[in-house]
């Protein structure tokens, strides 16, 4: 397997930071040494969409040079980005409606109207709140 290994793909690169990232870097370096022993030098392909310095992180994790691909030439439709602040329910205390319930309510409206919808939210509540959709 190692002598024919051509590609190593690391998705969600942004998770490989801190202590976990140092462990990942050690595994990658060990894998590289094993591949070198068997005569291969696989190309590392990393992807992430959520950090400002993907090139630096990829290079520091693998110890190899990378080329940053940060432009998407694929055609796409019009996009709307919505920032929504839930309405105030208690002005005196500055309390607003639950952002979780408001996000669910708004996303359901989009889905009901057959609009492609992408919601970024806390993953810890996703299973509980969205499982009822």
N, C-alpha and C. Protein backbone atom coordinates (compact mmCIF):
# COMPACT_ATOMS: atom_id res chain seq x y z
N UNK A 1 0.81 -1.19 0.00
CA UNK A 1 0.00 0.00 0.00
C UNK A 1 0.87 1.27 0.00
N UNK A 2 1.88 1.29 0.85
CA UNK A 2 2.68 2.52 0.99
C UNK A 2 3.51 2.82 -0.26
N UNK A 3 3.95 1.78 -0.98
CA UNK A 3 4.76 2.05 -2.16
C UNK A 3 3.94 2.63 -3.30
N UNK A 4 2.63 2.43 -3.27
CA UNK A 4 1.75 2.96 -4.32
C UNK A 4 0.90 4.14 -3.87
N UNK A 5 1.11 4.61 -2.67
CA UNK A 5 0.30 5.72 -2.14
C UNK A 5 0.65 7.00 -2.89
N UNK A 6 -0.35 7.61 -3.53
CA UNK A 6 -0.11 8.82 -4.32
C UNK A 6 -0.67 10.08 -3.67
N UNK A 7 -1.79 9.95 -2.94
CA UNK A 7 -2.45 11.12 -2.37
C UNK A 7 -2.84 10.86 -0.92
N UNK A 8 -2.71 11.89 -0.11
CA UNK A 8 -3.23 11.89 1.25
C UNK A 8 -4.11 13.13 1.35
N UNK A 9 -5.39 12.93 1.62
CA UNK A 9 -6.34 14.04 1.68
C UNK A 9 -6.71 14.29 3.13
N UNK A 10 -6.55 15.53 3.56
CA UNK A 10 -6.92 15.93 4.92
C UNK A 10 -8.02 16.97 4.80
N UNK A 11 -9.22 16.57 5.16
CA UNK A 11 -10.37 17.47 5.11
C UNK A 11 -10.53 18.14 6.47
N UNK A 12 -11.18 19.29 6.47
CA UNK A 12 -11.43 20.04 7.72
C UNK A 12 -10.11 20.33 8.45
N UNK A 13 -9.15 20.83 7.71
CA UNK A 13 -7.81 21.09 8.23
C UNK A 13 -7.83 21.94 9.49
N UNK A 14 -8.80 22.84 9.59
CA UNK A 14 -8.85 23.77 10.72
C UNK A 14 -8.99 23.06 12.08
N UNK A 15 -9.43 21.81 12.09
CA UNK A 15 -9.51 21.07 13.35
C UNK A 15 -8.12 20.69 13.87
N UNK A 16 -7.14 20.71 13.01
CA UNK A 16 -5.80 20.24 13.37
C UNK A 16 -4.95 21.37 13.91
N UNK A 17 -5.41 21.96 14.99
CA UNK A 17 -4.64 23.02 15.66
C UNK A 17 -4.43 22.64 17.11
N UNK A 18 -3.57 23.38 17.78
CA UNK A 18 -3.33 23.13 19.19
C UNK A 18 -2.70 21.77 19.44
N UNK A 19 -3.05 21.16 20.57
CA UNK A 19 -2.48 19.87 20.94
C UNK A 19 -2.87 18.80 19.93
N UNK A 20 -4.13 18.80 19.52
CA UNK A 20 -4.58 17.83 18.52
C UNK A 20 -3.77 17.99 17.23
N UNK A 21 -3.53 19.24 16.83
CA UNK A 21 -2.75 19.51 15.63
C UNK A 21 -1.33 18.97 15.73
N UNK A 22 -0.73 19.06 16.90
CA UNK A 22 0.63 18.54 17.05
C UNK A 22 0.63 17.01 16.92
N UNK A 23 -0.43 16.36 17.40
CA UNK A 23 -0.54 14.91 17.23
C UNK A 23 -0.72 14.56 15.76
N UNK A 24 -1.56 15.32 15.07
CA UNK A 24 -1.78 15.09 13.64
C UNK A 24 -0.46 15.27 12.88
N UNK A 25 0.28 16.32 13.21
CA UNK A 25 1.57 16.57 12.55
C UNK A 25 2.53 15.39 12.75
N UNK A 26 2.55 14.82 13.94
CA UNK A 26 3.42 13.66 14.19
C UNK A 26 2.99 12.45 13.37
N UNK A 27 1.70 12.23 13.25
CA UNK A 27 1.19 11.11 12.45
C UNK A 27 1.56 11.33 10.98
N UNK A 28 1.40 12.56 10.49
CA UNK A 28 1.73 12.87 9.09
C UNK A 28 3.22 12.66 8.83
N UNK A 29 4.05 13.10 9.73
CA UNK A 29 5.50 12.93 9.55
C UNK A 29 5.88 11.45 9.58
N UNK A 30 5.24 10.70 10.47
CA UNK A 30 5.52 9.26 10.52
C UNK A 30 5.07 8.59 9.21
N UNK A 31 3.90 8.95 8.73
CA UNK A 31 3.40 8.42 7.46
C UNK A 31 4.37 8.76 6.33
N UNK A 32 4.87 9.99 6.31
CA UNK A 32 5.81 10.41 5.26
C UNK A 32 7.09 9.58 5.30
N UNK A 33 7.59 9.31 6.51
CA UNK A 33 8.81 8.49 6.64
C UNK A 33 8.57 7.06 6.15
N UNK A 34 7.40 6.51 6.48
CA UNK A 34 7.08 5.15 6.02
C UNK A 34 6.99 5.12 4.50
N UNK A 35 6.33 6.12 3.92
CA UNK A 35 6.21 6.18 2.45
C UNK A 35 7.58 6.31 1.80
N UNK A 36 8.42 7.14 2.37
CA UNK A 36 9.77 7.32 1.83
C UNK A 36 10.53 5.99 1.87
N UNK A 37 10.40 5.25 2.95
CA UNK A 37 11.05 3.94 3.08
C UNK A 37 10.61 3.01 1.95
N UNK A 38 9.33 3.08 1.58
CA UNK A 38 8.80 2.21 0.52
C UNK A 38 8.89 2.84 -0.87
N UNK A 39 9.54 4.00 -0.97
CA UNK A 39 9.81 4.59 -2.28
C UNK A 39 8.72 5.48 -2.86
N UNK A 40 7.80 5.94 -2.04
CA UNK A 40 6.77 6.84 -2.57
C UNK A 40 6.83 8.19 -1.86
N UNK A 41 6.26 9.16 -2.50
CA UNK A 41 6.19 10.51 -1.93
C UNK A 41 4.80 11.08 -2.26
N UNK A 42 3.81 10.72 -1.44
CA UNK A 42 2.43 11.13 -1.78
C UNK A 42 2.25 12.64 -1.71
N UNK A 43 1.33 13.10 -2.53
CA UNK A 43 0.96 14.51 -2.52
C UNK A 43 -0.11 14.70 -1.44
N UNK A 44 0.07 15.71 -0.60
CA UNK A 44 -0.90 16.01 0.44
C UNK A 44 -1.86 17.07 -0.09
N UNK A 45 -3.15 16.81 0.08
CA UNK A 45 -4.19 17.73 -0.35
C UNK A 45 -5.01 18.05 0.89
N UNK A 46 -5.09 19.32 1.23
CA UNK A 46 -5.81 19.73 2.44
C UNK A 46 -6.95 20.68 2.07
N UNK A 47 -8.03 20.60 2.82
CA UNK A 47 -9.14 21.52 2.56
C UNK A 47 -9.68 22.07 3.86
N UNK A 48 -10.08 23.32 3.80
CA UNK A 48 -10.73 24.00 4.91
C UNK A 48 -11.37 25.26 4.35
N UNK A 49 -12.40 25.71 5.00
CA UNK A 49 -13.06 26.93 4.54
C UNK A 49 -13.25 27.91 5.68
N UNK A 50 -12.62 27.66 6.81
CA UNK A 50 -12.97 28.47 7.97
C UNK A 50 -11.79 29.12 8.69
N UNK A 51 -10.59 29.10 8.11
CA UNK A 51 -9.48 29.76 8.80
C UNK A 51 -8.82 30.76 7.85
N UNK A 52 -8.16 31.72 8.44
CA UNK A 52 -7.54 32.78 7.65
C UNK A 52 -6.17 32.37 7.10
N UNK A 53 -5.52 31.38 7.70
CA UNK A 53 -4.16 31.01 7.30
C UNK A 53 -4.03 29.53 6.92
N UNK A 54 -4.82 29.04 5.95
CA UNK A 54 -4.75 27.61 5.62
C UNK A 54 -3.40 27.18 5.07
N UNK A 55 -2.75 28.05 4.31
CA UNK A 55 -1.44 27.71 3.74
C UNK A 55 -0.42 27.46 4.84
N UNK A 56 -0.34 28.37 5.79
CA UNK A 56 0.60 28.22 6.91
C UNK A 56 0.33 26.95 7.70
N UNK A 57 -0.94 26.69 7.99
CA UNK A 57 -1.29 25.51 8.79
C UNK A 57 -0.93 24.23 8.04
N UNK A 58 -1.26 24.16 6.77
CA UNK A 58 -0.94 22.95 5.98
C UNK A 58 0.57 22.72 5.94
N UNK A 59 1.33 23.77 5.74
CA UNK A 59 2.79 23.63 5.68
C UNK A 59 3.38 23.25 7.03
N UNK A 60 2.85 23.82 8.11
CA UNK A 60 3.41 23.49 9.42
C UNK A 60 3.04 22.08 9.85
N UNK A 61 1.86 21.59 9.45
CA UNK A 61 1.46 20.23 9.81
C UNK A 61 2.24 19.17 9.04
N UNK A 62 2.52 19.44 7.77
CA UNK A 62 3.14 18.42 6.92
C UNK A 62 4.63 18.61 6.73
N UNK A 63 5.12 19.82 6.95
CA UNK A 63 6.53 20.10 6.68
C UNK A 63 6.83 20.17 5.20
N UNK A 64 5.80 20.36 4.38
CA UNK A 64 5.95 20.41 2.92
C UNK A 64 5.40 21.72 2.39
N UNK A 65 5.90 22.15 1.22
CA UNK A 65 5.34 23.36 0.61
C UNK A 65 3.96 23.06 0.00
N UNK A 66 3.10 24.06 0.02
CA UNK A 66 1.76 23.93 -0.55
C UNK A 66 1.48 25.08 -1.49
N UNK A 67 0.54 24.87 -2.38
CA UNK A 67 0.03 25.93 -3.23
C UNK A 67 -1.42 26.18 -2.80
N UNK A 68 -1.73 27.43 -2.51
CA UNK A 68 -3.07 27.78 -2.05
C UNK A 68 -4.01 27.93 -3.24
N UNK A 69 -5.13 27.23 -3.19
CA UNK A 69 -6.18 27.37 -4.18
C UNK A 69 -7.36 28.00 -3.44
N UNK A 70 -7.58 29.28 -3.67
CA UNK A 70 -8.62 29.98 -2.91
C UNK A 70 -9.67 30.65 -3.79
N UNK A 71 -9.71 30.27 -5.04
CA UNK A 71 -10.73 30.82 -5.94
C UNK A 71 -11.53 29.68 -6.54
N UNK A 72 -12.82 29.86 -6.58
CA UNK A 72 -13.70 28.85 -7.12
C UNK A 72 -14.24 29.38 -8.45
N UNK A 73 -13.94 28.70 -9.52
CA UNK A 73 -14.39 29.15 -10.84
C UNK A 73 -15.72 28.56 -11.26
N UNK A 74 -16.31 27.76 -10.38
CA UNK A 74 -17.58 27.12 -10.73
C UNK A 74 -18.70 28.17 -10.77
N UNK A 75 -19.63 28.02 -11.71
CA UNK A 75 -20.75 28.95 -11.75
C UNK A 75 -21.64 28.79 -10.52
N UNK A 76 -22.25 29.89 -10.11
CA UNK A 76 -23.14 29.82 -8.97
C UNK A 76 -24.22 30.87 -9.11
N UNK A 77 -25.32 30.62 -8.46
CA UNK A 77 -26.43 31.56 -8.48
C UNK A 77 -26.22 32.71 -7.52
N UNK A 78 -27.18 33.59 -7.51
CA UNK A 78 -27.13 34.74 -6.62
C UNK A 78 -27.20 34.26 -5.17
N UNK A 79 -26.45 34.92 -4.30
CA UNK A 79 -26.43 34.55 -2.88
C UNK A 79 -26.88 35.73 -2.04
N UNK A 80 -27.56 35.41 -0.96
CA UNK A 80 -27.94 36.41 0.02
C UNK A 80 -27.40 35.97 1.36
N UNK A 81 -26.72 36.86 2.04
CA UNK A 81 -26.21 36.56 3.38
C UNK A 81 -27.03 37.40 4.35
N UNK A 82 -27.62 36.73 5.33
CA UNK A 82 -28.51 37.40 6.26
C UNK A 82 -27.92 37.36 7.66
N UNK A 83 -27.81 38.52 8.27
CA UNK A 83 -27.45 38.61 9.68
C UNK A 83 -28.71 39.07 10.40
N UNK A 84 -29.17 38.28 11.33
CA UNK A 84 -30.45 38.54 11.98
C UNK A 84 -30.25 38.65 13.48
N UNK A 85 -30.77 39.69 14.07
CA UNK A 85 -30.72 39.88 15.51
C UNK A 85 -32.14 39.71 16.03
N UNK A 86 -32.42 38.69 16.83
CA UNK A 86 -33.79 38.45 17.29
C UNK A 86 -34.36 39.69 18.01
N UNK A 87 -35.67 39.85 17.91
CA UNK A 87 -36.30 41.01 18.53
C UNK A 87 -36.19 40.98 20.07
N UNK A 88 -36.19 42.14 20.64
CA UNK A 88 -36.14 42.30 22.10
C UNK A 88 -37.51 41.91 22.67
N UNK A 89 -37.50 41.08 23.71
CA UNK A 89 -38.75 40.71 24.38
C UNK A 89 -38.87 41.37 25.75
N UNK A 90 -37.74 41.81 26.30
CA UNK A 90 -37.75 42.55 27.56
C UNK A 90 -36.70 43.64 27.46
N UNK A 91 -37.17 44.84 27.09
CA UNK A 91 -36.27 45.97 26.86
C UNK A 91 -35.51 46.35 28.13
N UNK A 92 -36.16 46.27 29.26
CA UNK A 92 -35.54 46.67 30.53
C UNK A 92 -34.34 45.78 30.87
N UNK A 93 -34.47 44.48 30.61
CA UNK A 93 -33.38 43.55 30.90
C UNK A 93 -32.50 43.28 29.67
N UNK A 94 -32.91 43.79 28.51
CA UNK A 94 -32.14 43.57 27.28
C UNK A 94 -32.20 42.14 26.79
N UNK A 95 -33.31 41.46 27.07
CA UNK A 95 -33.45 40.06 26.68
C UNK A 95 -34.11 39.97 25.31
N UNK A 96 -33.55 39.15 24.46
CA UNK A 96 -34.08 38.93 23.12
C UNK A 96 -34.69 37.53 23.02
N UNK A 97 -35.45 37.32 21.97
CA UNK A 97 -35.97 35.97 21.69
C UNK A 97 -34.79 35.02 21.53
N UNK A 98 -35.03 33.74 21.76
CA UNK A 98 -34.00 32.72 21.63
C UNK A 98 -33.47 32.68 20.19
N UNK A 99 -32.17 32.83 20.04
CA UNK A 99 -31.60 32.77 18.69
C UNK A 99 -31.76 31.38 18.09
N UNK A 100 -31.80 30.35 18.93
CA UNK A 100 -31.98 29.00 18.42
C UNK A 100 -33.37 28.83 17.80
N UNK A 101 -34.39 29.26 18.53
CA UNK A 101 -35.75 29.15 18.01
C UNK A 101 -35.96 30.05 16.79
N UNK A 102 -35.39 31.23 16.81
CA UNK A 102 -35.53 32.15 15.67
C UNK A 102 -34.84 31.59 14.44
N UNK A 103 -33.67 31.00 14.61
CA UNK A 103 -32.95 30.40 13.48
C UNK A 103 -33.77 29.27 12.89
N UNK A 104 -34.31 28.44 13.75
CA UNK A 104 -35.14 27.32 13.29
C UNK A 104 -36.37 27.84 12.55
N UNK A 105 -37.02 28.84 13.09
CA UNK A 105 -38.23 29.40 12.48
C UNK A 105 -37.94 29.97 11.09
N UNK A 106 -36.87 30.74 10.97
CA UNK A 106 -36.52 31.36 9.69
C UNK A 106 -36.10 30.30 8.67
N UNK A 107 -35.27 29.34 9.09
CA UNK A 107 -34.82 28.29 8.17
C UNK A 107 -36.01 27.47 7.67
N UNK A 108 -36.96 27.19 8.55
CA UNK A 108 -38.14 26.43 8.13
C UNK A 108 -38.95 27.20 7.08
N UNK A 109 -39.01 28.51 7.21
CA UNK A 109 -39.71 29.32 6.20
C UNK A 109 -39.03 29.19 4.84
N UNK A 110 -37.71 29.26 4.83
CA UNK A 110 -36.98 29.11 3.57
C UNK A 110 -37.22 27.73 2.96
N UNK A 111 -37.15 26.70 3.80
CA UNK A 111 -37.36 25.33 3.32
C UNK A 111 -38.78 25.16 2.78
N UNK A 112 -39.75 25.72 3.47
CA UNK A 112 -41.15 25.62 3.01
C UNK A 112 -41.35 26.27 1.65
N UNK A 113 -40.53 27.27 1.34
CA UNK A 113 -40.62 27.96 0.05
C UNK A 113 -39.58 27.45 -0.95
N UNK A 114 -39.08 26.23 -0.70
CA UNK A 114 -38.13 25.56 -1.60
C UNK A 114 -36.88 26.38 -1.90
N UNK A 115 -36.41 27.12 -0.92
CA UNK A 115 -35.17 27.89 -1.07
C UNK A 115 -34.01 27.07 -0.52
N UNK A 116 -32.94 26.96 -1.33
CA UNK A 116 -31.75 26.30 -0.81
C UNK A 116 -31.24 27.12 0.35
N UNK A 117 -30.97 26.47 1.46
CA UNK A 117 -30.65 27.18 2.68
C UNK A 117 -29.46 26.53 3.38
N UNK A 118 -28.56 27.36 3.84
CA UNK A 118 -27.42 26.90 4.61
C UNK A 118 -27.39 27.71 5.90
N UNK A 119 -27.39 27.03 7.03
CA UNK A 119 -27.42 27.70 8.33
C UNK A 119 -26.16 27.32 9.09
N UNK A 120 -25.43 28.30 9.57
CA UNK A 120 -24.29 28.05 10.44
C UNK A 120 -24.76 28.28 11.86
N UNK A 121 -24.58 27.28 12.71
CA UNK A 121 -25.06 27.38 14.08
C UNK A 121 -24.22 26.48 14.98
N UNK A 122 -24.44 26.60 16.28
CA UNK A 122 -23.74 25.74 17.23
C UNK A 122 -24.10 24.29 16.97
N UNK A 123 -23.11 23.42 16.87
CA UNK A 123 -23.37 22.02 16.57
C UNK A 123 -23.91 21.28 17.78
N UNK A 124 -23.70 21.78 18.98
CA UNK A 124 -24.12 21.06 20.18
C UNK A 124 -25.63 20.96 20.29
N UNK A 125 -26.36 21.87 19.69
CA UNK A 125 -27.83 21.83 19.79
C UNK A 125 -28.49 21.31 18.53
N UNK A 126 -27.74 21.12 17.47
CA UNK A 126 -28.31 20.78 16.17
C UNK A 126 -29.18 19.53 16.21
N UNK A 127 -28.68 18.47 16.81
CA UNK A 127 -29.45 17.23 16.81
C UNK A 127 -30.79 17.38 17.50
N UNK A 128 -30.82 18.07 18.64
CA UNK A 128 -32.06 18.21 19.38
C UNK A 128 -33.06 19.10 18.64
N UNK A 129 -32.60 20.24 18.15
CA UNK A 129 -33.51 21.21 17.57
C UNK A 129 -33.96 20.87 16.16
N UNK A 130 -33.05 20.32 15.33
CA UNK A 130 -33.37 20.13 13.93
C UNK A 130 -33.96 18.75 13.65
N UNK A 131 -33.87 17.84 14.60
CA UNK A 131 -34.38 16.50 14.34
C UNK A 131 -35.89 16.47 14.17
N UNK A 132 -36.56 17.51 14.60
CA UNK A 132 -38.02 17.55 14.49
C UNK A 132 -38.50 18.15 13.18
N UNK A 133 -37.60 18.59 12.32
CA UNK A 133 -38.02 19.25 11.08
C UNK A 133 -38.70 18.28 10.16
